[in-house]
Amino acid sequence: MKPTLLVLAAGLGTRYGGLKQIDAIGPCGQTIIDYSIYDGLRAGFGRVVFVIRHYFEEAFQAKVSSKFEGFVEAAYAYQELDAGLGNFPLPPEREKPWGTGHAILVGREAIQGPFAVVNADDYYGRDSLQKIAGFLTGADGPNDYAMVGYTLKNTLSEYGTVARGVTECDEQMFLKRVIERKKIEKTATGARYLDADGTPHALTGDEPVSMNLWGFGPSIFGFLESQFATFLAEHGQEKNSELYIPFVVDQLVTRGKATVKVLPTDDPWFGVTYRADKSIATACIRKLIDEGVYPERLWER
């Protein structure tokens, strides 16, 4: 069975100021998702599942997923605020989605085998998708997972702070810890992050980080369901609380319930966290086209 590519595209784009997952950055109207799916098909993925919201489904289909008809089988999952809550009452003031852990969980019914997770607004590169596809087709156990590790300093924005899953690995590049750090920014000597009370902590900038390119088996859904229930009980009444997938993975690794192989990559990464990032992303895609990595038009029949 070919692995599935799960595309997380339900974010609100608050810092970007709009639905960045459907904004064009390529010369012929391509979004970043176009390039991830194009690379994914070349790497051996056989199916795509989009996690979106109902309210922008029509726009998403018109600008994004309609282009893939005839090239790859596609399905949809919906990250609505009331999805998967069980008996937990939806707080009336809740507007923000419940985080990447919840986004993956809502894809459960659409996925039967191994799958990789990508963000809709991040460019990952062909090598990275080939590595994760290769891992998924050869994984030994049901709880053997993987993530692609990027170098922190190569993933920071020039225009504001970002959140990253900062990792610690053993000598065989198996994950020991991954901690979601918020408010990471560049410094003259590397990088730093601010903790909840605003205290700065230095980083070298060379740390391997997760950009949410994960490889999982279906067993992850049971873990996510349990973790999401715990999260709701402890943080569900907090207006902006989110269940991040690095937190879930960290819990599994430290408790010995799963192994995660970190797959280093030299592929370039770029994304569109802020509106000003778009010009950089557009220039990067133009350079890759000029170098022959991509054709001018991706989906010619």
C-alpha atoms as a PDB file:
ATOM      1  CA  MET A   1       0.000   0.000   0.000  1.00  0.00           C
ATOM      2  CA  LYS A   2       1.333   3.407  -0.962  1.00  0.00           C
ATOM      3  CA  PRO A   3       1.390   5.882   1.918  1.00  0.00           C
ATOM      4  CA  THR A   4      -1.068   8.757   2.183  1.00  0.00           C
ATOM      5  CA  LEU A   5      -0.150  12.428   2.396  1.00  0.00           C
ATOM      6  CA  LEU A   6      -2.189  14.241   5.074  1.00  0.00           C
ATOM      7  CA  VAL A   7      -2.204  17.989   4.380  1.00  0.00           C
ATOM      8  CA  LEU A   8      -3.077  20.243   7.336  1.00  0.00           C
ATOM      9  CA  ALA A   9      -4.893  23.192   5.771  1.00  0.00           C
ATOM     10  CA  ALA A  10      -7.450  24.294   8.368  1.00  0.00           C
ATOM     11  CA  GLY A  11      -5.488  27.125   9.996  1.00  0.00           C
ATOM     12  CA  LEU A  12      -6.959  30.605  10.239  1.00  0.00           C
ATOM     13  CA  GLY A  13      -3.804  32.438   9.118  1.00  0.00           C
ATOM     14  CA  THR A  14      -4.147  35.043  11.881  1.00  0.00           C
ATOM     15  CA  ARG A  15      -0.587  36.412  11.598  1.00  0.00           C
ATOM     16  CA  TYR A  16      -0.712  36.199   7.798  1.00  0.00           C
ATOM     17  CA  GLY A  17      -3.973  38.088   7.575  1.00  0.00           C
ATOM     18  CA  GLY A  18      -5.923  35.595   5.465  1.00  0.00           C
ATOM     19  CA  LEU A  19      -6.125  32.054   4.127  1.00  0.00           C
ATOM     20  CA  LYS A  20      -2.475  31.565   3.237  1.00  0.00           C
ATOM     21  CA  GLN A  21      -3.096  27.922   2.291  1.00  0.00           C
ATOM     22  CA  ILE A  22      -4.897  29.050  -0.888  1.00  0.00           C
ATOM     23  CA  ASP A  23      -2.699  32.053  -1.712  1.00  0.00           C
ATOM     24  CA  ALA A  24      -0.671  31.725  -4.911  1.00  0.00           C
ATOM     25  CA  ILE A  25       3.131  31.827  -4.724  1.00  0.00           C
ATOM     26  CA  GLY A  26       4.001  30.137  -8.042  1.00  0.00           C
ATOM     27  CA  PRO A  27       4.084  31.769 -11.515  1.00  0.00           C
ATOM     28  CA  CYS A  28       0.874  30.092 -12.697  1.00  0.00           C
ATOM     29  CA  GLY A  29      -1.178  30.421  -9.548  1.00  0.00           C
ATOM     30  CA  GLN A  30       0.396  27.489  -7.682  1.00  0.00           C
ATOM     31  CA  THR A  31       0.112  27.382  -3.906  1.00  0.00           C
ATOM     32  CA  ILE A  32       2.755  25.856  -1.658  1.00  0.00           C
ATOM     33  CA  ILE A  33       0.507  22.790  -1.388  1.00  0.00           C
ATOM     34  CA  ASP A  34       0.936  22.233  -5.129  1.00  0.00           C
ATOM     35  CA  TYR A  35       4.659  21.714  -4.717  1.00  0.00           C
ATOM     36  CA  SER A  36       4.287  19.403  -1.707  1.00  0.00           C
ATOM     37  CA  ILE A  37       1.832  17.206  -3.587  1.00  0.00           C
ATOM     38  CA  TYR A  38       3.927  17.257  -6.763  1.00  0.00           C
ATOM     39  CA  ASP A  39       6.984  16.144  -4.763  1.00  0.00           C
ATOM     40  CA  GLY A  40       4.876  13.637  -2.824  1.00  0.00           C
ATOM     41  CA  LEU A  41       3.652  11.903  -5.969  1.00  0.00           C
ATOM     42  CA  ARG A  42       7.220  11.650  -7.280  1.00  0.00           C
ATOM     43  CA  ALA A  43       8.281  10.233  -3.901  1.00  0.00           C
ATOM     44  CA  GLY A  44       5.677   7.445  -4.001  1.00  0.00           C
ATOM     45  CA  PHE A  45       2.621   8.725  -2.132  1.00  0.00           C
ATOM     46  CA  GLY A  46      -0.589   7.396  -3.607  1.00  0.00           C
ATOM     47  CA  ARG A  47      -3.346   9.438  -2.009  1.00  0.00           C
ATOM     48  CA  VAL A  48      -3.949  12.867  -0.453  1.00  0.00           C
ATOM     49  CA  VAL A  49      -6.239  13.823   2.433  1.00  0.00           C
ATOM     50  CA  PHE A  50      -6.873  17.532   3.046  1.00  0.00           C
ATOM     51  CA  VAL A  51      -7.820  18.733   6.526  1.00  0.00           C
ATOM     52  CA  ILE A  52      -9.862  21.914   6.012  1.00  0.00           C
ATOM     53  CA  ARG A  53     -12.801  23.865   7.447  1.00  0.00           C
ATOM     54  CA  HIS A  54     -16.289  23.739   5.942  1.00  0.00           C
ATOM     55  CA  TYR A  55     -16.571  27.513   5.621  1.00  0.00           C
ATOM     56  CA  PHE A  56     -13.809  27.794   3.002  1.00  0.00           C
ATOM     57  CA  GLU A  57     -14.314  24.402   1.320  1.00  0.00           C
ATOM     58  CA  GLU A  58     -15.698  25.895  -1.894  1.00  0.00           C
ATOM     59  CA  ALA A  59     -12.788  28.329  -2.268  1.00  0.00           C
ATOM     60  CA  PHE A  60     -10.276  25.603  -1.426  1.00  0.00           C
ATOM     61  CA  GLN A  61     -11.657  23.230  -4.032  1.00  0.00           C
ATOM     62  CA  ALA A  62     -11.732  25.948  -6.682  1.00  0.00           C
ATOM     63  CA  LYS A  63      -8.201  27.226  -6.097  1.00  0.00           C
ATOM     64  CA  VAL A  64      -6.372  24.137  -4.897  1.00  0.00           C
ATOM     65  CA  SER A  65      -7.766  20.620  -5.014  1.00  0.00           C
ATOM     66  CA  SER A  66      -9.522  20.840  -8.400  1.00  0.00           C
ATOM     67  CA  LYS A  67      -6.083  20.952 -10.046  1.00  0.00           C
ATOM     68  CA  PHE A  68      -5.235  17.455  -8.829  1.00  0.00           C
ATOM     69  CA  GLU A  69      -8.243  15.685 -10.350  1.00  0.00           C
ATOM     70  CA  GLY A  70      -6.968  12.917 -12.578  1.00  0.00           C
ATOM     71  CA  PHE A  71      -3.521  12.970 -10.960  1.00  0.00           C
ATOM     72  CA  VAL A  72      -4.177  11.616  -7.457  1.00  0.00           C
ATOM     73  CA  GLU A  73      -7.064  10.367  -5.343  1.00  0.00           C
ATOM     74  CA  ALA A  74      -8.090  13.011  -2.819  1.00  0.00           C
ATOM     75  CA  ALA A  75     -10.359  13.042   0.242  1.00  0.00           C
ATOM     76  CA  TYR A  76     -11.348  15.604   2.865  1.00  0.00           C
ATOM     77  CA  ALA A  77     -11.501  15.740   6.641  1.00  0.00           C
ATOM     78  CA  TYR A  78     -12.890  18.694   8.553  1.00  0.00           C
ATOM     79  CA  GLN A  79     -11.318  20.292  11.603  1.00  0.00           C
ATOM     80  CA  GLU A  80     -14.428  21.859  13.039  1.00  0.00           C
ATOM     81  CA  LEU A  81     -14.361  23.083  16.612  1.00  0.00           C
ATOM     82  CA  ASP A  82     -16.829  20.426  17.777  1.00  0.00           C
ATOM     83  CA  ALA A  83     -15.093  17.494  16.065  1.00  0.00           C
ATOM     84  CA  GLY A  84     -13.980  14.719  18.411  1.00  0.00           C
ATOM     85  CA  LEU A  85     -15.053  16.444  21.624  1.00  0.00           C
ATOM     86  CA  GLY A  86     -17.128  13.541  22.910  1.00  0.00           C
ATOM     87  CA  ASN A  87     -19.029  14.714  25.979  1.00  0.00           C
ATOM     88  CA  PHE A  88     -16.899  17.824  26.399  1.00  0.00           C
ATOM     89  CA  PRO A  89     -19.056  20.944  25.781  1.00  0.00           C
ATOM     90  CA  LEU A  90     -17.667  23.370  23.225  1.00  0.00           C
ATOM     91  CA  PRO A  91     -16.795  26.636  25.025  1.00  0.00           C
ATOM     92  CA  PRO A  92     -18.950  29.405  23.525  1.00  0.00           C
ATOM     93  CA  GLU A  93     -15.984  31.777  23.119  1.00  0.00           C
ATOM     94  CA  ARG A  94     -13.818  29.240  21.268  1.00  0.00           C
ATOM     95  CA  GLU A  95     -12.875  30.390  17.748  1.00  0.00           C
ATOM     96  CA  LYS A  96      -9.394  28.979  17.179  1.00  0.00           C
ATOM     97  CA  PRO A  97      -8.855  25.359  16.006  1.00  0.00           C
ATOM     98  CA  TRP A  98      -7.598  22.930  18.647  1.00  0.00           C
ATOM     99  CA  GLY A  99      -4.087  22.503  17.188  1.00  0.00           C
ATOM    100  CA  THR A 100      -2.108  20.138  14.989  1.00  0.00           C
ATOM    101  CA  GLY A 101      -2.735  17.107  17.216  1.00  0.00           C
ATOM    102  CA  HIS A 102      -6.472  17.575  16.765  1.00  0.00           C
ATOM    103  CA  ALA A 103      -6.022  18.262  13.025  1.00  0.00           C
ATOM    104  CA  ILE A 104      -4.373  14.877  12.540  1.00  0.00           C
ATOM    105  CA  LEU A 105      -6.970  13.138  14.713  1.00  0.00           C
ATOM    106  CA  VAL A 106      -9.884  14.333  12.552  1.00  0.00           C
ATOM    107  CA  GLY A 107      -8.282  12.615   9.550  1.00  0.00           C
ATOM    108  CA  ARG A 108      -8.732   9.226  11.205  1.00  0.00           C
ATOM    109  CA  GLU A 109     -11.698   8.016   9.149  1.00  0.00           C
ATOM    110  CA  ALA A 110     -10.013   8.943   5.862  1.00  0.00           C
ATOM    111  CA  ILE A 111      -6.743   7.053   6.487  1.00  0.00           C
ATOM    112  CA  GLN A 112      -6.242   3.279   6.586  1.00  0.00           C
ATOM    113  CA  GLY A 113      -2.473   2.809   6.337  1.00  0.00           C
ATOM    114  CA  PRO A 114       0.828   4.623   6.865  1.00  0.00           C
ATOM    115  CA  PHE A 115       0.804   8.346   6.224  1.00  0.00           C
ATOM    116  CA  ALA A 116       2.898  11.496   6.339  1.00  0.00           C
ATOM    117  CA  VAL A 117       1.785  14.856   7.705  1.00  0.00           C
ATOM    118  CA  VAL A 118       2.618  18.193   6.073  1.00  0.00           C
ATOM    119  CA  ASN A 119       1.503  21.757   6.702  1.00  0.00           C
ATOM    120  CA  ALA A 120      -0.244  23.438   3.799  1.00  0.00           C
ATOM    121  CA  ASP A 121       1.795  26.623   4.182  1.00  0.00           C
ATOM    122  CA  ASP A 122       5.285  25.075   4.345  1.00  0.00           C
ATOM    123  CA  TYR A 123       7.633  24.074   1.531  1.00  0.00           C
ATOM    124  CA  TYR A 124       9.497  20.868   2.394  1.00  0.00           C
ATOM    125  CA  GLY A 125      11.454  19.796  -0.697  1.00  0.00           C
ATOM    126  CA  ARG A 126      11.638  16.618  -2.737  1.00  0.00           C
ATOM    127  CA  ASP A 127      14.405  14.933  -0.701  1.00  0.00           C
ATOM    128  CA  SER A 128      12.442  15.295   2.510  1.00  0.00           C
ATOM    129  CA  LEU A 129       9.312  13.714   1.076  1.00  0.00           C
ATOM    130  CA  GLN A 130      11.350  10.914  -0.480  1.00  0.00           C
ATOM    131  CA  LYS A 131      12.936  10.172   2.890  1.00  0.00           C
ATOM    132  CA  ILE A 132       9.645  10.039   4.747  1.00  0.00           C
ATOM    133  CA  ALA A 133       8.010   7.949   2.016  1.00  0.00           C
ATOM    134  CA  GLY A 134      10.935   5.510   2.115  1.00  0.00           C
ATOM    135  CA  PHE A 135      10.633   5.185   5.862  1.00  0.00           C
ATOM    136  CA  LEU A 136       6.887   4.559   5.727  1.00  0.00           C
ATOM    137  CA  THR A 137       7.201   1.817   3.123  1.00  0.00           C
ATOM    138  CA  GLY A 138       9.828   0.003   5.216  1.00  0.00           C
ATOM    139  CA  ALA A 139       8.739   0.620   8.822  1.00  0.00           C
ATOM    140  CA  ASP A 140       8.946  -2.545  10.932  1.00  0.00           C
ATOM    141  CA  GLY A 141       6.565  -2.023  13.835  1.00  0.00           C
ATOM    142  CA  PRO A 142       3.171  -0.332  14.219  1.00  0.00           C
ATOM    143  CA  ASN A 143       4.621   2.253  16.625  1.00  0.00           C
ATOM    144  CA  ASP A 144       7.748   3.047  14.588  1.00  0.00           C
ATOM    145  CA  TYR A 145       7.392   6.663  13.503  1.00  0.00           C
ATOM    146  CA  ALA A 146       9.643   9.256  11.895  1.00  0.00           C
ATOM    147  CA  MET A 147      10.100  12.980  11.426  1.00  0.00           C
ATOM    148  CA  VAL A 148      12.217  15.006   9.041  1.00  0.00           C
ATOM    149  CA  GLY A 149      14.635  17.247  10.921  1.00  0.00           C
ATOM    150  CA  TYR A 150      15.484  20.724   9.616  1.00  0.00           C
ATOM    151  CA  THR A 151      18.186  23.029  10.993  1.00  0.00           C
ATOM    152  CA  LEU A 152      16.557  25.651  13.210  1.00  0.00           C
ATOM    153  CA  LYS A 153      18.446  28.679  11.850  1.00  0.00           C
ATOM    154  CA  ASN A 154      17.273  27.831   8.335  1.00  0.00           C
ATOM    155  CA  THR A 155      13.605  27.927   9.350  1.00  0.00           C
ATOM    156  CA  LEU A 156      13.277  31.297  11.076  1.00  0.00           C
ATOM    157  CA  SER A 157      11.303  34.244   9.743  1.00  0.00           C
ATOM    158  CA  GLU A 158      12.797  37.669   9.151  1.00  0.00           C
ATOM    159  CA  TYR A 159       9.497  39.271  10.167  1.00  0.00           C
ATOM    160  CA  GLY A 160       8.556  37.896  13.571  1.00  0.00           C
ATOM    161  CA  THR A 161       8.702  35.014  16.002  1.00  0.00           C
ATOM    162  CA  VAL A 162       7.755  31.421  15.169  1.00  0.00           C
ATOM    163  CA  ALA A 163       6.995  28.160  16.988  1.00  0.00           C
ATOM    164  CA  ARG A 164       9.149  25.090  16.396  1.00  0.00           C
ATOM    165  CA  GLY A 165       9.435  21.586  17.808  1.00  0.00           C
ATOM    166  CA  VAL A 166      13.036  21.607  19.077  1.00  0.00           C
ATOM    167  CA  THR A 167      14.499  18.100  19.296  1.00  0.00           C
ATOM    168  CA  GLU A 168      17.098  16.138  21.195  1.00  0.00           C
ATOM    169  CA  CYS A 169      18.353  12.904  19.565  1.00  0.00           C
ATOM    170  CA  ASP A 170      20.588   9.996  20.509  1.00  0.00           C
ATOM    171  CA  GLU A 171      23.643   8.890  18.506  1.00  0.00           C
ATOM    172  CA  GLN A 172      21.483   6.812  16.149  1.00  0.00           C
ATOM    173  CA  MET A 173      19.227   9.813  15.471  1.00  0.00           C
ATOM    174  CA  PHE A 174      16.298   8.420  17.390  1.00  0.00           C
ATOM    175  CA  LEU A 175      14.256  11.075  19.103  1.00  0.00           C
ATOM    176  CA  LYS A 176      14.733  11.517  22.848  1.00  0.00           C
ATOM    177  CA  ARG A 177      12.718  14.719  23.341  1.00  0.00           C
ATOM    178  CA  VAL A 178      10.793  17.183  21.197  1.00  0.00           C
ATOM    179  CA  ILE A 179       9.484  20.309  22.869  1.00  0.00           C
ATOM    180  CA  GLU A 180       7.276  22.909  21.198  1.00  0.00           C
ATOM    181  CA  ARG A 181       8.977  26.241  21.720  1.00  0.00           C
ATOM    182  CA  LYS A 182       7.038  29.403  20.969  1.00  0.00           C
ATOM    183  CA  LYS A 183       8.301  32.883  20.159  1.00  0.00           C
ATOM    184  CA  ILE A 184      11.598  31.768  18.612  1.00  0.00           C
ATOM    185  CA  GLU A 185      13.541  34.532  16.867  1.00  0.00           C
ATOM    186  CA  LYS A 186      16.928  35.126  15.295  1.00  0.00           C
ATOM    187  CA  THR A 187      19.764  36.670  17.289  1.00  0.00           C
ATOM    188  CA  ALA A 188      23.302  37.742  16.424  1.00  0.00           C
ATOM    189  CA  THR A 189      24.674  34.470  17.839  1.00  0.00           C
ATOM    190  CA  GLY A 190      21.944  32.048  16.730  1.00  0.00           C
ATOM    191  CA  ALA A 191      18.427  32.133  18.114  1.00  0.00           C
ATOM    192  CA  ARG A 192      16.412  32.390  21.289  1.00  0.00           C
ATOM    193  CA  TYR A 193      12.925  31.655  22.550  1.00  0.00           C
ATOM    194  CA  LEU A 194      10.794  33.346  25.166  1.00  0.00           C
ATOM    195  CA  ASP A 195       9.028  31.279  27.801  1.00  0.00           C
ATOM    196  CA  ALA A 196       5.541  31.975  29.168  1.00  0.00           C
ATOM    197  CA  ASP A 197       6.690  34.807  31.428  1.00  0.00           C
ATOM    198  CA  GLY A 198       8.870  36.423  28.752  1.00  0.00           C
ATOM    199  CA  THR A 199      12.242  35.107  29.964  1.00  0.00           C
ATOM    200  CA  PRO A 200      14.652  34.601  27.017  1.00  0.00           C
ATOM    201  CA  HIS A 201      16.559  31.327  26.527  1.00  0.00           C
ATOM    202  CA  ALA A 202      19.450  31.006  24.079  1.00  0.00           C
ATOM    203  CA  LEU A 203      19.561  28.455  21.255  1.00  0.00           C
ATOM    204  CA  THR A 204      22.521  27.745  18.975  1.00  0.00           C
ATOM    205  CA  GLY A 205      20.438  27.778  15.794  1.00  0.00           C
ATOM    206  CA  ASP A 206      21.853  24.379  14.801  1.00  0.00           C
ATOM    207  CA  GLU A 207      19.231  22.317  16.649  1.00  0.00           C
ATOM    208  CA  PRO A 208      17.221  19.856  14.529  1.00  0.00           C
ATOM    209  CA  VAL A 209      13.608  20.981  14.559  1.00  0.00           C
ATOM    210  CA  SER A 210      10.284  19.581  13.479  1.00  0.00           C
ATOM    211  CA  MET A 211       8.434  21.453  10.750  1.00  0.00           C
ATOM    212  CA  ASN A 212       5.501  19.043  11.053  1.00  0.00           C
ATOM    213  CA  LEU A 213       6.760  16.607   8.445  1.00  0.00           C
ATOM    214  CA  TRP A 214       5.946  13.413  10.328  1.00  0.00           C
ATOM    215  CA  GLY A 215       5.563   9.779   9.325  1.00  0.00           C
ATOM    216  CA  PHE A 216       3.016   7.735  11.285  1.00  0.00           C
ATOM    217  CA  GLY A 217       1.165   4.454  11.255  1.00  0.00           C
ATOM    218  CA  PRO A 218      -2.563   4.262  12.083  1.00  0.00           C
ATOM    219  CA  SER A 219      -1.686   3.464  15.713  1.00  0.00           C
ATOM    220  CA  ILE A 220      -1.064   7.187  16.269  1.00  0.00           C
ATOM    221  CA  PHE A 221      -4.820   7.823  16.226  1.00  0.00           C
ATOM    222  CA  GLY A 222      -5.424   5.876  19.423  1.00  0.00           C
ATOM    223  CA  PHE A 223      -2.684   7.835  21.167  1.00  0.00           C
ATOM    224  CA  LEU A 224      -4.071  11.118  19.834  1.00  0.00           C
ATOM    225  CA  GLU A 225      -7.580  10.308  20.988  1.00  0.00           C
ATOM    226  CA  SER A 226      -6.360   9.645  24.526  1.00  0.00           C
ATOM    227  CA  GLN A 227      -4.124  12.719  24.605  1.00  0.00           C
ATOM    228  CA  PHE A 228      -6.863  14.966  23.232  1.00  0.00           C
ATOM    229  CA  ALA A 229      -9.292  13.828  25.931  1.00  0.00           C
ATOM    230  CA  THR A 230      -6.682  14.619  28.590  1.00  0.00           C
ATOM    231  CA  PHE A 231      -5.942  17.967  26.954  1.00  0.00           C
ATOM    232  CA  LEU A 232      -9.617  18.951  26.966  1.00  0.00           C
ATOM    233  CA  ALA A 233      -9.979  18.035  30.628  1.00  0.00           C
ATOM    234  CA  GLU A 234      -6.926  20.118  31.592  1.00  0.00           C
ATOM    235  CA  HIS A 235      -6.948  22.997  29.087  1.00  0.00           C
ATOM    236  CA  GLY A 236     -10.217  22.902  27.168  1.00  0.00           C
ATOM    237  CA  GLN A 237     -11.590  26.025  28.838  1.00  0.00           C
ATOM    238  CA  GLU A 238      -8.559  28.105  27.859  1.00  0.00           C
ATOM    239  CA  LYS A 239      -9.525  30.290  24.916  1.00  0.00           C
ATOM    240  CA  ASN A 240      -6.362  29.797  22.838  1.00  0.00           C
ATOM    241  CA  SER A 241      -5.029  26.458  24.083  1.00  0.00           C
ATOM    242  CA  GLU A 242      -3.850  23.990  21.426  1.00  0.00           C
ATOM    243  CA  LEU A 243      -2.740  20.359  21.360  1.00  0.00           C
ATOM    244  CA  TYR A 244       0.503  20.342  19.389  1.00  0.00           C
ATOM    245  CA  ILE A 245       1.664  17.134  17.726  1.00  0.00           C
ATOM    246  CA  PRO A 246       5.248  17.535  19.053  1.00  0.00           C
ATOM    247  CA  PHE A 247       3.812  17.381  22.591  1.00  0.00           C
ATOM    248  CA  VAL A 248       1.980  14.134  21.814  1.00  0.00           C
ATOM    249  CA  VAL A 249       5.082  12.594  20.233  1.00  0.00           C
ATOM    250  CA  ASP A 250       7.262  13.700  23.135  1.00  0.00           C
ATOM    251  CA  GLN A 251       4.898  11.972  25.558  1.00  0.00           C
ATOM    252  CA  LEU A 252       4.996   8.745  23.545  1.00  0.00           C
ATOM    253  CA  VAL A 253       8.789   8.725  23.269  1.00  0.00           C
ATOM    254  CA  THR A 254       9.512   9.548  26.912  1.00  0.00           C
ATOM    255  CA  ARG A 255       7.038   6.898  28.064  1.00  0.00           C
ATOM    256  CA  GLY A 256       8.519   4.263  25.767  1.00  0.00           C
ATOM    257  CA  LYS A 257       5.352   3.753  23.734  1.00  0.00           C
ATOM    258  CA  ALA A 258       6.851   4.646  20.342  1.00  0.00           C
ATOM    259  CA  THR A 259      10.164   5.210  18.577  1.00  0.00           C
ATOM    260  CA  VAL A 260      10.745   8.138  16.243  1.00  0.00           C
ATOM    261  CA  LYS A 261      13.582   8.160  13.725  1.00  0.00           C
ATOM    262  CA  VAL A 262      14.810  11.652  12.879  1.00  0.00           C
ATOM    263  CA  LEU A 263      15.665  11.946   9.187  1.00  0.00           C
ATOM    264  CA  PRO A 264      18.004  14.909   8.627  1.00  0.00           C
ATOM    265  CA  THR A 265      17.644  16.840   5.398  1.00  0.00           C
ATOM    266  CA  ASP A 266      19.585  19.552   3.605  1.00  0.00           C
ATOM    267  CA  ASP A 267      16.515  20.530   1.618  1.00  0.00           C
ATOM    268  CA  PRO A 268      15.624  24.204   1.794  1.00  0.00           C
ATOM    269  CA  TRP A 269      12.585  25.067   3.853  1.00  0.00           C
ATOM    270  CA  PHE A 270      10.429  28.153   3.654  1.00  0.00           C
ATOM    271  CA  GLY A 271       6.941  29.061   4.721  1.00  0.00           C
ATOM    272  CA  VAL A 272       4.437  31.885   4.900  1.00  0.00           C
ATOM    273  CA  THR A 273       3.802  32.632   8.555  1.00  0.00           C
ATOM    274  CA  TYR A 274       3.632  36.395   7.946  1.00  0.00           C
ATOM    275  CA  ARG A 275       2.346  38.328   4.924  1.00  0.00           C
ATOM    276  CA  ALA A 276       5.861  39.622   4.262  1.00  0.00           C
ATOM    277  CA  ASP A 277       7.116  36.020   3.940  1.00  0.00           C
ATOM    278  CA  LYS A 278       5.194  35.650   0.675  1.00  0.00           C
ATOM    279  CA  SER A 279       7.726  37.585  -1.411  1.00  0.00           C
ATOM    280  CA  ILE A 280      10.539  35.364  -0.116  1.00  0.00           C
ATOM    281  CA  ALA A 281       8.558  32.203  -0.871  1.00  0.00           C
ATOM    282  CA  THR A 282       7.749  33.457  -4.371  1.00  0.00           C
ATOM    283  CA  ALA A 283      11.423  34.213  -5.051  1.00  0.00           C
ATOM    284  CA  CYS A 284      12.473  30.777  -3.740  1.00  0.00           C
ATOM    285  CA  ILE A 285      10.010  28.997  -6.032  1.00  0.00           C
ATOM    286  CA  ARG A 286      11.179  31.090  -8.981  1.00  0.00           C
ATOM    287  CA  LYS A 287      14.785  30.065  -8.261  1.00  0.00           C
ATOM    288  CA  LEU A 288      13.837  26.368  -8.051  1.00  0.00           C
ATOM    289  CA  ILE A 289      12.026  26.619 -11.391  1.00  0.00           C
ATOM    290  CA  ASP A 290      15.021  28.334 -12.993  1.00  0.00           C
ATOM    291  CA  GLU A 291      17.260  25.543 -11.639  1.00  0.00           C
ATOM    292  CA  GLY A 292      15.034  22.922 -13.274  1.00  0.00           C
ATOM    293  CA  VAL A 293      13.660  21.450 -10.055  1.00  0.00           C
ATOM    294  CA  TYR A 294      10.075  22.228 -11.138  1.00  0.00           C
ATOM    295  CA  PRO A 295       8.408  22.982 -14.457  1.00  0.00           C
ATOM    296  CA  GLU A 296       6.718  26.334 -14.964  1.00  0.00           C
ATOM    297  CA  ARG A 297       3.362  24.531 -14.908  1.00  0.00           C
ATOM    298  CA  LEU A 298       2.980  21.542 -12.586  1.00  0.00           C
ATOM    299  CA  TRP A 299      -0.253  19.916 -13.698  1.00  0.00           C
ATOM    300  CA  GLU A 300      -0.108  19.773 -17.489  1.00  0.00           C
ATOM    301  CA  ARG A 301      -2.180  16.937 -18.950  1.00  0.00           C
END
